Amino acid sequence: MKSAQDSDLLQAFAAEIRARRTATGDSQEALAFKASLNRTFVAKLELAQTSPSLSTLFRLAAALQVAPAELVGSVSQRYRRQA
């Protein structure tokens, strides 16, 4: 069972991925293609229905043209603002 903290962190990750994707003008399908992921998996990530693996996080960061550390930092900031 997920804790409330895990759920909140997943929501922050989902919101950050969605915000960065829409800022670049990419569709979920385009982001999925760039990251070598399935579009439905990207949709589940953006809906906070699944957690990314470390390799998925790195692939998403590359597809969004940001360093993984920057992406994680942004998620952390978003999470703290939610708390």
PDB file of N, CA and C in Angstrom:
ATOM      1  N   MET A   1       0.836  -1.177   0.000  1.00  0.00           N
ATOM      2  CA  MET A   1       0.000   0.000   0.000  1.00  0.00           C
ATOM      3  C   MET A   1       0.886   1.247   0.000  1.00  0.00           C
ATOM      4  N   LYS A   2       0.516   2.200  -0.799  1.00  0.00           N
ATOM      5  CA  LYS A   2       1.287   3.442  -0.890  1.00  0.00           C
ATOM      6  C   LYS A   2       0.944   4.358   0.271  1.00  0.00           C
ATOM      7  N   SER A   3       1.952   5.045   0.765  1.00  0.00           N
ATOM      8  CA  SER A   3       1.710   6.044   1.800  1.00  0.00           C
ATOM      9  C   SER A   3       1.210   7.326   1.144  1.00  0.00           C
ATOM     10  N   ALA A   4       0.666   8.206   1.954  1.00  0.00           N
ATOM     11  CA  ALA A   4       0.204   9.502   1.438  1.00  0.00           C
ATOM     12  C   ALA A   4       1.381  10.276   0.856  1.00  0.00           C
ATOM     13  N   GLN A   5       2.548  10.153   1.481  1.00  0.00           N
ATOM     14  CA  GLN A   5       3.740  10.844   0.986  1.00  0.00           C
ATOM     15  C   GLN A   5       4.129  10.323  -0.396  1.00  0.00           C
ATOM     16  N   ASP A   6       4.089   9.003  -0.574  1.00  0.00           N
ATOM     17  CA  ASP A   6       4.396   8.418  -1.885  1.00  0.00           C
ATOM     18  C   ASP A   6       3.425   8.924  -2.936  1.00  0.00           C
ATOM     19  N   SER A   7       2.157   8.965  -2.572  1.00  0.00           N
ATOM     20  CA  SER A   7       1.127   9.426  -3.501  1.00  0.00           C
ATOM     21  C   SER A   7       1.347  10.889  -3.879  1.00  0.00           C
ATOM     22  N   ASP A   8       1.678  11.714  -2.898  1.00  0.00           N
ATOM     23  CA  ASP A   8       1.925  13.134  -3.164  1.00  0.00           C
ATOM     24  C   ASP A   8       3.149  13.323  -4.056  1.00  0.00           C
ATOM     25  N   LEU A   9       4.179  12.535  -3.820  1.00  0.00           N
ATOM     26  CA  LEU A   9       5.391  12.624  -4.633  1.00  0.00           C
ATOM     27  C   LEU A   9       5.105  12.189  -6.068  1.00  0.00           C
ATOM     28  N   LEU A  10       4.309  11.152  -6.216  1.00  0.00           N
ATOM     29  CA  LEU A  10       3.929  10.682  -7.548  1.00  0.00           C
ATOM     30  C   LEU A  10       3.093  11.738  -8.274  1.00  0.00           C
ATOM     31  N   GLN A  11       2.214  12.416  -7.546  1.00  0.00           N
ATOM     32  CA  GLN A  11       1.414  13.497  -8.133  1.00  0.00           C
ATOM     33  C   GLN A  11       2.321  14.637  -8.598  1.00  0.00           C
ATOM     34  N   ALA A  12       3.341  14.963  -7.811  1.00  0.00           N
ATOM     35  CA  ALA A  12       4.277  16.026  -8.187  1.00  0.00           C
ATOM     36  C   ALA A  12       5.051  15.635  -9.442  1.00  0.00           C
ATOM     37  N   PHE A  13       5.481  14.378  -9.516  1.00  0.00           N
ATOM     38  CA  PHE A  13       6.190  13.903 -10.704  1.00  0.00           C
ATOM     39  C   PHE A  13       5.284  13.986 -11.924  1.00  0.00           C
ATOM     40  N   ALA A  14       4.055  13.527 -11.775  1.00  0.00           N
ATOM     41  CA  ALA A  14       3.090  13.543 -12.882  1.00  0.00           C
ATOM     42  C   ALA A  14       2.870  14.960 -13.393  1.00  0.00           C
ATOM     43  N   ALA A  15       2.672  15.886 -12.472  1.00  0.00           N
ATOM     44  CA  ALA A  15       2.424  17.277 -12.855  1.00  0.00           C
ATOM     45  C   ALA A  15       3.639  17.885 -13.549  1.00  0.00           C
ATOM     46  N   GLU A  16       4.828  17.552 -13.084  1.00  0.00           N
ATOM     47  CA  GLU A  16       6.054  18.101 -13.681  1.00  0.00           C
ATOM     48  C   GLU A  16       6.263  17.573 -15.099  1.00  0.00           C
ATOM     49  N   ILE A  17       6.052  16.287 -15.291  1.00  0.00           N
ATOM     50  CA  ILE A  17       6.201  15.707 -16.632  1.00  0.00           C
ATOM     51  C   ILE A  17       5.184  16.331 -17.583  1.00  0.00           C
ATOM     52  N   ARG A  18       3.941  16.427 -17.136  1.00  0.00           N
ATOM     53  CA  ARG A  18       2.885  17.011 -17.972  1.00  0.00           C
ATOM     54  C   ARG A  18       3.199  18.468 -18.302  1.00  0.00           C
ATOM     55  N   ALA A  19       3.639  19.241 -17.311  1.00  0.00           N
ATOM     56  CA  ALA A  19       3.950  20.657 -17.530  1.00  0.00           C
ATOM     57  C   ALA A  19       5.105  20.822 -18.519  1.00  0.00           C
ATOM     58  N   ARG A  20       6.141  20.029 -18.356  1.00  0.00           N
ATOM     59  CA  ARG A  20       7.291  20.135 -19.269  1.00  0.00           C
ATOM     60  C   ARG A  20       6.927  19.677 -20.677  1.00  0.00           C
ATOM     61  N   ARG A  21       6.109  18.636 -20.768  1.00  0.00           N
ATOM     62  CA  ARG A  21       5.698  18.151 -22.092  1.00  0.00           C
ATOM     63  C   ARG A  21       4.854  19.197 -22.810  1.00  0.00           C
ATOM     64  N   THR A  22       3.898  19.778 -22.124  1.00  0.00           N
ATOM     65  CA  THR A  22       3.040  20.773 -22.773  1.00  0.00           C
ATOM     66  C   THR A  22       3.818  22.044 -23.095  1.00  0.00           C
ATOM     67  N   ALA A  23       4.811  22.377 -22.274  1.00  0.00           N
ATOM     68  CA  ALA A  23       5.631  23.566 -22.544  1.00  0.00           C
ATOM     69  C   ALA A  23       6.427  23.412 -23.839  1.00  0.00           C
ATOM     70  N   THR A  24       6.792  22.185 -24.168  1.00  0.00           N
ATOM     71  CA  THR A  24       7.532  21.949 -25.413  1.00  0.00           C
ATOM     72  C   THR A  24       6.595  21.763 -26.602  1.00  0.00           C
ATOM     73  N   GLY A  25       5.302  21.680 -26.324  1.00  0.00           N
ATOM     74  CA  GLY A  25       4.328  21.495 -27.396  1.00  0.00           C
ATOM     75  C   GLY A  25       4.203  20.060 -27.869  1.00  0.00           C
ATOM     76  N   ASP A  26       4.783  19.134 -27.119  1.00  0.00           N
ATOM     77  CA  ASP A  26       4.723  17.725 -27.505  1.00  0.00           C
ATOM     78  C   ASP A  26       3.419  17.081 -27.047  1.00  0.00           C
ATOM     79  N   SER A  27       2.955  16.150 -27.829  1.00  0.00           N
ATOM     80  CA  SER A  27       1.843  15.294 -27.419  1.00  0.00           C
ATOM     81  C   SER A  27       2.419  14.165 -26.562  1.00  0.00           C
ATOM     82  N   GLN A  28       1.548  13.432 -25.902  1.00  0.00           N
ATOM     83  CA  GLN A  28       2.018  12.262 -25.159  1.00  0.00           C
ATOM     84  C   GLN A  28       2.692  11.279 -26.109  1.00  0.00           C
ATOM     85  N   GLU A  29       2.141  11.144 -27.283  1.00  0.00           N
ATOM     86  CA  GLU A  29       2.713  10.226 -28.269  1.00  0.00           C
ATOM     87  C   GLU A  29       4.116  10.663 -28.687  1.00  0.00           C
ATOM     88  N   ALA A  30       4.307  11.960 -28.895  1.00  0.00           N
ATOM     89  CA  ALA A  30       5.627  12.469 -29.289  1.00  0.00           C
ATOM     90  C   ALA A  30       6.646  12.254 -28.176  1.00  0.00           C
ATOM     91  N   LEU A  31       6.253  12.539 -26.937  1.00  0.00           N
ATOM     92  CA  LEU A  31       7.160  12.321 -25.815  1.00  0.00           C
ATOM     93  C   LEU A  31       7.488  10.837 -25.687  1.00  0.00           C
ATOM     94  N   ALA A  32       6.483  10.005 -25.812  1.00  0.00           N
ATOM     95  CA  ALA A  32       6.702   8.560 -25.725  1.00  0.00           C
ATOM     96  C   ALA A  32       7.694   8.099 -26.788  1.00  0.00           C
ATOM     97  N   PHE A  33       7.538   8.586 -28.004  1.00  0.00           N
ATOM     98  CA  PHE A  33       8.452   8.219 -29.092  1.00  0.00           C
ATOM     99  C   PHE A  33       9.879   8.650 -28.765  1.00  0.00           C
ATOM    100  N   LYS A  34      10.033   9.893 -28.321  1.00  0.00           N
ATOM    101  CA  LYS A  34      11.371  10.410 -28.000  1.00  0.00           C
ATOM    102  C   LYS A  34      12.033   9.632 -26.866  1.00  0.00           C
ATOM    103  N   ALA A  35      11.221   9.151 -25.922  1.00  0.00           N
ATOM    104  CA  ALA A  35      11.750   8.437 -24.759  1.00  0.00           C
ATOM    105  C   ALA A  35      11.733   6.917 -24.941  1.00  0.00           C
ATOM    106  N   SER A  36      11.315   6.459 -26.117  1.00  0.00           N
ATOM    107  CA  SER A  36      11.193   5.017 -26.395  1.00  0.00           C
ATOM    108  C   SER A  36      10.277   4.329 -25.384  1.00  0.00           C
ATOM    109  N   LEU A  37       9.136   4.957 -25.148  1.00  0.00           N
ATOM    110  CA  LEU A  37       8.126   4.424 -24.239  1.00  0.00           C
ATOM    111  C   LEU A  37       6.809   4.275 -24.986  1.00  0.00           C
ATOM    112  N   ASN A  38       5.882   3.576 -24.388  1.00  0.00           N
ATOM    113  CA  ASN A  38       4.542   3.433 -24.937  1.00  0.00           C
ATOM    114  C   ASN A  38       3.711   4.650 -24.541  1.00  0.00           C
ATOM    115  N   ARG A  39       2.861   5.146 -25.433  1.00  0.00           N
ATOM    116  CA  ARG A  39       2.049   6.324 -25.136  1.00  0.00           C
ATOM    117  C   ARG A  39       1.144   6.094 -23.928  1.00  0.00           C
ATOM    118  N   THR A  40       0.579   4.910 -23.806  1.00  0.00           N
ATOM    119  CA  THR A  40      -0.299   4.666 -22.658  1.00  0.00           C
ATOM    120  C   THR A  40       0.483   4.685 -21.351  1.00  0.00           C
ATOM    121  N   PHE A  41       1.753   4.293 -21.397  1.00  0.00           N
ATOM    122  CA  PHE A  41       2.585   4.367 -20.195  1.00  0.00           C
ATOM    123  C   PHE A  41       2.831   5.825 -19.810  1.00  0.00           C
ATOM    124  N   VAL A  42       3.104   6.671 -20.796  1.00  0.00           N
ATOM    125  CA  VAL A  42       3.279   8.107 -20.527  1.00  0.00           C
ATOM    126  C   VAL A  42       1.989   8.676 -19.938  1.00  0.00           C
ATOM    127  N   ALA A  43       0.850   8.285 -20.476  1.00  0.00           N
ATOM    128  CA  ALA A  43      -0.431   8.755 -19.946  1.00  0.00           C
ATOM    129  C   ALA A  43      -0.595   8.331 -18.489  1.00  0.00           C
ATOM    130  N   LYS A  44      -0.241   7.097 -18.171  1.00  0.00           N
ATOM    131  CA  LYS A  44      -0.346   6.619 -16.787  1.00  0.00           C
ATOM    132  C   LYS A  44       0.610   7.372 -15.867  1.00  0.00           C
ATOM    133  N   LEU A  45       1.793   7.708 -16.372  1.00  0.00           N
ATOM    134  CA  LEU A  45       2.725   8.513 -15.574  1.00  0.00           C
ATOM    135  C   LEU A  45       2.125   9.882 -15.278  1.00  0.00           C
ATOM    136  N   GLU A  46       1.533  10.506 -16.304  1.00  0.00           N
ATOM    137  CA  GLU A  46       0.960  11.845 -16.140  1.00  0.00           C
ATOM    138  C   GLU A  46      -0.289  11.842 -15.266  1.00  0.00           C
ATOM    139  N   LEU A  47      -0.920  10.703 -15.127  1.00  0.00           N
ATOM    140  CA  LEU A  47      -2.095  10.586 -14.262  1.00  0.00           C
ATOM    141  C   LEU A  47      -1.729  10.048 -12.879  1.00  0.00           C
ATOM    142  N   ALA A  48      -0.435   9.887 -12.635  1.00  0.00           N
ATOM    143  CA  ALA A  48       0.081   9.372 -11.360  1.00  0.00           C
ATOM    144  C   ALA A  48      -0.468   7.983 -11.057  1.00  0.00           C
ATOM    145  N   GLN A  49      -0.655   7.189 -12.096  1.00  0.00           N
ATOM    146  CA  GLN A  49      -1.160   5.830 -11.924  1.00  0.00           C
ATOM    147  C   GLN A  49      -0.042   4.801 -11.862  1.00  0.00           C
ATOM    148  N   THR A  50       1.175   5.216 -12.170  1.00  0.00           N
ATOM    149  CA  THR A  50       2.326   4.319 -12.103  1.00  0.00           C
ATOM    150  C   THR A  50       3.576   5.125 -11.782  1.00  0.00           C
ATOM    151  N   SER A  51       4.549   4.454 -11.195  1.00  0.00           N
ATOM    152  CA  SER A  51       5.818   5.102 -10.845  1.00  0.00           C
ATOM    153  C   SER A  51       6.867   4.793 -11.902  1.00  0.00           C
ATOM    154  N   PRO A  52       7.730   5.755 -12.198  1.00  0.00           N
ATOM    155  CA  PRO A  52       8.784   5.498 -13.183  1.00  0.00           C
ATOM    156  C   PRO A  52       9.958   4.763 -12.549  1.00  0.00           C
ATOM    157  N   SER A  53      10.607   3.933 -13.335  1.00  0.00           N
ATOM    158  CA  SER A  53      11.874   3.348 -12.896  1.00  0.00           C
ATOM    159  C   SER A  53      12.958   4.409 -13.075  1.00  0.00           C
ATOM    160  N   LEU A  54      14.123   4.129 -12.564  1.00  0.00           N
ATOM    161  CA  LEU A  54      15.235   5.059 -12.724  1.00  0.00           C
ATOM    162  C   LEU A  54      15.589   5.229 -14.198  1.00  0.00           C
ATOM    163  N   SER A  55      15.591   4.138 -14.947  1.00  0.00           N
ATOM    164  CA  SER A  55      15.917   4.246 -16.373  1.00  0.00           C
ATOM    165  C   SER A  55      14.846   5.036 -17.117  1.00  0.00           C
ATOM    166  N   THR A  56      13.589   4.891 -16.729  1.00  0.00           N
ATOM    167  CA  THR A  56      12.513   5.670 -17.352  1.00  0.00           C
ATOM    168  C   THR A  56      12.681   7.148 -17.048  1.00  0.00           C
ATOM    169  N   LEU A  57      13.046   7.469 -15.822  1.00  0.00           N
ATOM    170  CA  LEU A  57      13.273   8.869 -15.458  1.00  0.00           C
ATOM    171  C   LEU A  57      14.379   9.466 -16.333  1.00  0.00           C
ATOM    172  N   PHE A  58      15.453   8.727 -16.542  1.00  0.00           N
ATOM    173  CA  PHE A  58      16.553   9.217 -17.377  1.00  0.00           C
ATOM    174  C   PHE A  58      16.112   9.383 -18.828  1.00  0.00           C
ATOM    175  N   ARG A  59      15.315   8.445 -19.334  1.00  0.00           N
ATOM    176  CA  ARG A  59      14.837   8.553 -20.716  1.00  0.00           C
ATOM    177  C   ARG A  59      13.885   9.726 -20.883  1.00  0.00           C
ATOM    178  N   LEU A  60      13.018   9.949 -19.904  1.00  0.00           N
ATOM    179  CA  LEU A  60      12.114  11.100 -19.973  1.00  0.00           C
ATOM    180  C   LEU A  60      12.899  12.409 -19.925  1.00  0.00           C
ATOM    181  N   ALA A  61      13.887  12.472 -19.050  1.00  0.00           N
ATOM    182  CA  ALA A  61      14.708  13.682 -18.960  1.00  0.00           C
ATOM    183  C   ALA A  61      15.381  13.967 -20.300  1.00  0.00           C
ATOM    184  N   ALA A  62      15.942  12.949 -20.916  1.00  0.00           N
ATOM    185  CA  ALA A  62      16.594  13.133 -22.220  1.00  0.00           C
ATOM    186  C   ALA A  62      15.584  13.591 -23.265  1.00  0.00           C
ATOM    187  N   ALA A  63      14.409  12.991 -23.267  1.00  0.00           N
ATOM    188  CA  ALA A  63      13.377  13.361 -24.240  1.00  0.00           C
ATOM    189  C   ALA A  63      12.901  14.793 -24.030  1.00  0.00           C
ATOM    190  N   LEU A  64      12.914  15.245 -22.776  1.00  0.00           N
ATOM    191  CA  LEU A  64      12.499  16.614 -22.448  1.00  0.00           C
ATOM    192  C   LEU A  64      13.670  17.593 -22.514  1.00  0.00           C
ATOM    193  N   GLN A  65      14.842  17.084 -22.852  1.00  0.00           N
ATOM    194  CA  GLN A  65      16.063  17.876 -23.000  1.00  0.00           C
ATOM    195  C   GLN A  65      16.444  18.619 -21.718  1.00  0.00           C
ATOM    196  N   VAL A  66      16.385  17.886 -20.606  1.00  0.00           N
ATOM    197  CA  VAL A  66      16.844  18.405 -19.319  1.00  0.00           C
ATOM    198  C   VAL A  66      17.711  17.335 -18.662  1.00  0.00           C
ATOM    199  N   ALA A  67      18.569  17.763 -17.773  1.00  0.00           N
ATOM    200  CA  ALA A  67      19.371  16.812 -17.013  1.00  0.00           C
ATOM    201  C   ALA A  67      18.464  16.088 -16.017  1.00  0.00           C
ATOM    202  N   PRO A  68      18.719  14.813 -15.770  1.00  0.00           N
ATOM    203  CA  PRO A  68      17.908  14.097 -14.787  1.00  0.00           C
ATOM    204  C   PRO A  68      17.873  14.804 -13.429  1.00  0.00           C
ATOM    205  N   ALA A  69      19.000  15.364 -13.008  1.00  0.00           N
ATOM    206  CA  ALA A  69      19.048  16.075 -11.729  1.00  0.00           C
ATOM    207  C   ALA A  69      18.121  17.289 -11.731  1.00  0.00           C
ATOM    208  N   GLU A  70      18.033  17.981 -12.856  1.00  0.00           N
ATOM    209  CA  GLU A  70      17.134  19.133 -12.958  1.00  0.00           C
ATOM    210  C   GLU A  70      15.678  18.682 -12.860  1.00  0.00           C
ATOM    211  N   LEU A  71      15.362  17.585 -13.523  1.00  0.00           N
ATOM    212  CA  LEU A  71      13.996  17.068 -13.476  1.00  0.00           C
ATOM    213  C   LEU A  71      13.626  16.658 -12.052  1.00  0.00           C
ATOM    214  N   VAL A  72      14.510  15.927 -11.392  1.00  0.00           N
ATOM    215  CA  VAL A  72      14.253  15.504 -10.012  1.00  0.00           C
ATOM    216  C   VAL A  72      14.150  16.720  -9.092  1.00  0.00           C
ATOM    217  N   GLY A  73      15.009  17.716  -9.299  1.00  0.00           N
ATOM    218  CA  GLY A  73      14.943  18.937  -8.495  1.00  0.00           C
ATOM    219  C   GLY A  73      13.623  19.662  -8.664  1.00  0.00           C
ATOM    220  N   SER A  74      13.130  19.716  -9.880  1.00  0.00           N
ATOM    221  CA  SER A  74      11.844  20.369 -10.140  1.00  0.00           C
ATOM    222  C   SER A  74      10.697  19.607  -9.493  1.00  0.00           C
ATOM    223  N   VAL A  75      10.772  18.291  -9.545  1.00  0.00           N
ATOM    224  CA  VAL A  75       9.743  17.473  -8.890  1.00  0.00           C
ATOM    225  C   VAL A  75       9.788  17.713  -7.385  1.00  0.00           C
ATOM    226  N   SER A  76      10.979  17.773  -6.826  1.00  0.00           N
ATOM    227  CA  SER A  76      11.138  18.017  -5.391  1.00  0.00           C
ATOM    228  C   SER A  76      10.550  19.369  -4.985  1.00  0.00           C
ATOM    229  N   GLN A  77      10.821  20.397  -5.765  1.00  0.00           N
ATOM    230  CA  GLN A  77      10.266  21.725  -5.472  1.00  0.00           C
ATOM    231  C   GLN A  77       8.746  21.709  -5.550  1.00  0.00           C
ATOM    232  N   ARG A  78       8.217  21.064  -6.573  1.00  0.00           N
ATOM    233  CA  ARG A  78       6.762  20.977  -6.742  1.00  0.00           C
ATOM    234  C   ARG A  78       6.145  20.226  -5.557  1.00  0.00           C
ATOM    235  N   TYR A  79       6.792  19.161  -5.124  1.00  0.00           N
ATOM    236  CA  TYR A  79       6.327  18.358  -3.990  1.00  0.00           C
ATOM    237  C   TYR A  79       6.285  19.200  -2.712  1.00  0.00           C
ATOM    238  N   ARG A  80       7.345  19.972  -2.477  1.00  0.00           N
ATOM    239  CA  ARG A  80       7.391  20.817  -1.270  1.00  0.00           C
ATOM    240  C   ARG A  80       6.312  21.889  -1.297  1.00  0.00           C
ATOM    241  N   ARG A  81       6.008  22.421  -2.486  1.00  0.00           N
ATOM    242  CA  ARG A  81       4.944  23.433  -2.593  1.00  0.00           C
ATOM    243  C   ARG A  81       3.577  22.831  -2.292  1.00  0.00           C
ATOM    244  N   GLN A  82       3.400  21.551  -2.630  1.00  0.00           N
ATOM    245  CA  GLN A  82       2.130  20.869  -2.376  1.00  0.00           C
ATOM    246  C   GLN A  82       1.919  20.597  -0.893  1.00  0.00           C
ATOM    247  N   ALA A  83       3.015  20.383  -0.174  1.00  0.00           N
ATOM    248  CA  ALA A  83       2.930  19.966   1.238  1.00  0.00           C
ATOM    249  C   ALA A  83       2.398  21.055   2.137  1.00  0.00           C
TER     250      ALA A  83
END
